[in-house]
Every structure is written in structure tokens, then in C-alpha cells.
Protein backbone atom coordinates (compact mmCIF):
# COMPACT_ATOMS: atom_id res chain seq x y z
CA MET A 1 17.51 16.10 10.51
CA LYS A 2 16.12 13.19 12.26
CA ASN A 3 13.00 11.24 10.57
CA ASN A 4 10.32 11.52 13.24
CA LYS A 5 8.43 8.66 11.39
CA SER A 6 10.97 6.23 12.77
CA CYS A 7 9.55 6.32 16.11
CA ILE A 8 6.32 4.98 15.09
CA GLU A 9 6.80 2.90 12.00
CA PRO A 10 9.96 0.86 11.17
CA TYR A 11 9.49 2.01 7.25
CA SER A 12 7.43 4.58 5.44
CA GLY A 13 4.29 3.16 4.59
CA CYS A 14 3.15 1.06 7.53
CA VAL A 15 0.75 3.54 8.83
CA ALA A 16 -0.61 4.13 5.47
CA THR A 17 -1.12 0.58 4.84
CA ALA A 18 -3.14 0.26 8.05
CA MET A 19 -5.20 3.37 7.23
CA ALA A 20 -6.02 2.00 3.69
CA ILE A 21 -7.77 -0.95 5.30
CA ILE A 22 -9.41 0.63 8.38
CA GLY A 23 -9.38 4.30 7.62
CA SER A 24 -12.90 4.41 5.63
CA LYS A 25 -15.83 5.94 7.36
CA TRP A 26 -17.58 3.10 9.31
CA THR A 27 -14.78 0.47 9.23
CA ALA A 28 -13.37 0.74 12.72
CA LEU A 29 -16.89 0.49 14.19
CA ILE A 30 -17.73 -2.57 12.10
CA LEU A 31 -14.60 -3.95 13.35
CA ARG A 32 -15.60 -2.93 16.78
CA ASP A 33 -18.85 -4.75 16.66
CA LEU A 34 -17.35 -8.06 15.09
CA ALA A 35 -14.96 -8.26 17.89
CA ASP A 36 -17.57 -9.84 20.02
CA GLY A 37 -18.16 -12.47 17.56
CA SER A 38 -19.95 -13.37 14.23
CA MET A 39 -22.93 -11.09 13.18
CA ARG A 40 -25.45 -10.89 10.41
CA PHE A 41 -25.75 -8.10 8.07
CA SER A 42 -29.04 -7.00 9.78
CA GLU A 43 -27.51 -7.09 13.28
CA LEU A 44 -24.71 -4.83 12.05
CA GLU A 45 -27.07 -2.50 10.47
CA ARG A 46 -29.05 -2.21 13.54
CA SER A 47 -25.96 -1.58 15.64
CA LEU A 48 -24.44 1.15 13.50
CA VAL A 49 -27.19 3.58 13.74
CA GLY A 50 -26.99 5.79 10.46
CA ILE A 51 -24.97 3.61 8.26
CA SER A 52 -26.85 2.86 4.80
CA PRO A 53 -27.03 -0.77 3.73
CA LYS A 54 -25.14 0.27 0.62
CA THR A 55 -22.17 1.52 2.67
CA LEU A 56 -22.18 -1.36 5.02
CA SER A 57 -22.19 -3.70 2.26
CA GLN A 58 -19.30 -1.80 0.53
CA ARG A 59 -17.12 -1.88 3.84
CA LEU A 60 -17.94 -5.59 4.38
CA ASP A 61 -16.70 -6.40 0.80
CA GLU A 62 -13.71 -4.39 1.26
CA LEU A 63 -12.74 -5.99 4.46
CA GLU A 64 -13.46 -9.44 2.70
CA ARG A 65 -11.05 -8.62 0.04
CA HIS A 66 -8.57 -7.54 2.63
CA ASN A 67 -8.97 -10.93 4.55
CA ILE A 68 -10.12 -9.02 7.44
CA VAL A 69 -13.43 -10.67 7.65
CA THR A 70 -14.98 -13.87 6.43
CA LYS A 71 -18.48 -14.12 4.93
CA LYS A 72 -20.12 -17.61 5.63
CA SER A 73 -23.46 -18.47 4.00
CA TYR A 74 -25.74 -20.95 5.45
CA ASN A 75 -28.23 -23.02 3.10
CA GLU A 76 -31.38 -22.15 4.97
CA VAL A 77 -34.68 -20.53 3.98
CA PRO A 78 -34.38 -17.55 4.16
CA PRO A 79 -30.59 -17.62 3.57
CA ARG A 80 -28.22 -16.50 6.36
CA ILE A 81 -25.02 -14.99 6.15
CA GLU A 82 -22.60 -14.36 8.97
CA TYR A 83 -19.52 -12.28 8.93
CA THR A 84 -16.60 -13.02 11.29
CA LEU A 85 -13.22 -11.56 11.81
CA THR A 86 -10.32 -13.62 10.56
CA ASP A 87 -6.98 -13.81 12.52
CA LYS A 88 -5.78 -10.98 10.48
CA GLY A 89 -8.93 -8.90 11.60
CA LEU A 90 -8.45 -10.00 15.22
CA ASP A 91 -4.88 -8.58 15.10
CA LEU A 92 -6.75 -5.14 14.71
CA ILE A 93 -8.49 -5.34 18.02
CA PRO A 94 -5.74 -4.25 20.13
CA LEU A 95 -5.48 -1.18 17.94
CA LEU A 96 -9.18 -0.56 18.23
CA LYS A 97 -8.81 -0.94 22.19
CA GLN A 98 -6.13 1.88 22.24
CA MET A 99 -8.20 4.05 20.16
CA ALA A 100 -11.06 3.74 22.55
CA LYS A 101 -8.67 4.26 25.49
CA TRP A 102 -7.60 7.44 23.87
CA GLY A 103 -11.25 8.47 23.13
CA ASN A 104 -12.13 7.82 26.62
CA LYS A 105 -9.38 10.11 28.04
CA TYR A 106 -10.40 12.96 25.78
CA TYR A 107 -14.23 12.27 25.78
CA ASP A 108 -15.99 15.68 26.46
CA GLY A 109 -19.46 14.24 26.62
CA ASN A 110 -20.18 15.29 22.91
CA VAL A 111 -20.33 12.26 20.58
CA VAL A 112 -18.77 13.11 17.28
CA ALA A 113 -20.81 12.16 14.25
CA ILE A 114 -18.88 10.12 11.74
């Protein structure tokens, strides 16, 4: 019997690895917003209507641990922190574009709440 996974992933675990990083609620949307450049926490919070500050903070911390985003602090008053995609994070942008293309193809006019 043919292993159907082989047409998508070269070995078992590749898709699971990606999903472990981007599969959490809100994560793909955070990456989508950061694809346009660095953003402050408050900018992300405004752009992601419905996300709680706690969830946004958790997702950004997870992405930082996986080296998907960097957090840069500026020594200013008030303090300023900006989040930016790393090269590893930028590698996810084509995947998000494909997800958007698929979503556009099957979009029926109803926005799905996450």
C-alpha cells in the first residue's frame, strides 16, 4: 500500500513540525501582519480584532522561542518594543500566501471567526 504522505512531505513529521509553530490560534494572522514589517505590540493588538493582550503576548513569546520573530527594545520613555520576522519567519510568508490564495478561492462571503 502506498504511503500517501510521501507526495506532501519527504518524511513523516514535516507537516507536524510546521503546525507546532504556526498552528496555534492567531499565530498565522500575527505572521501575516508582521510580513509588512516591524510592528509594536499595540499595533498588532489593534490589527488583530478580538485577540486578548495575554494571548498576543503568549503567541509572540512562542514565535520568539522558535526564532520566527525577534523582539527589539528601544531605550526610550516610554519604552518601545518592536517585533520583526526573522529569516526563518520570512520563509513562512509563501505558505501564508498559498493559504490566502486557497481561502480566496473558496471564500463564500462569510468570515470565519477564529
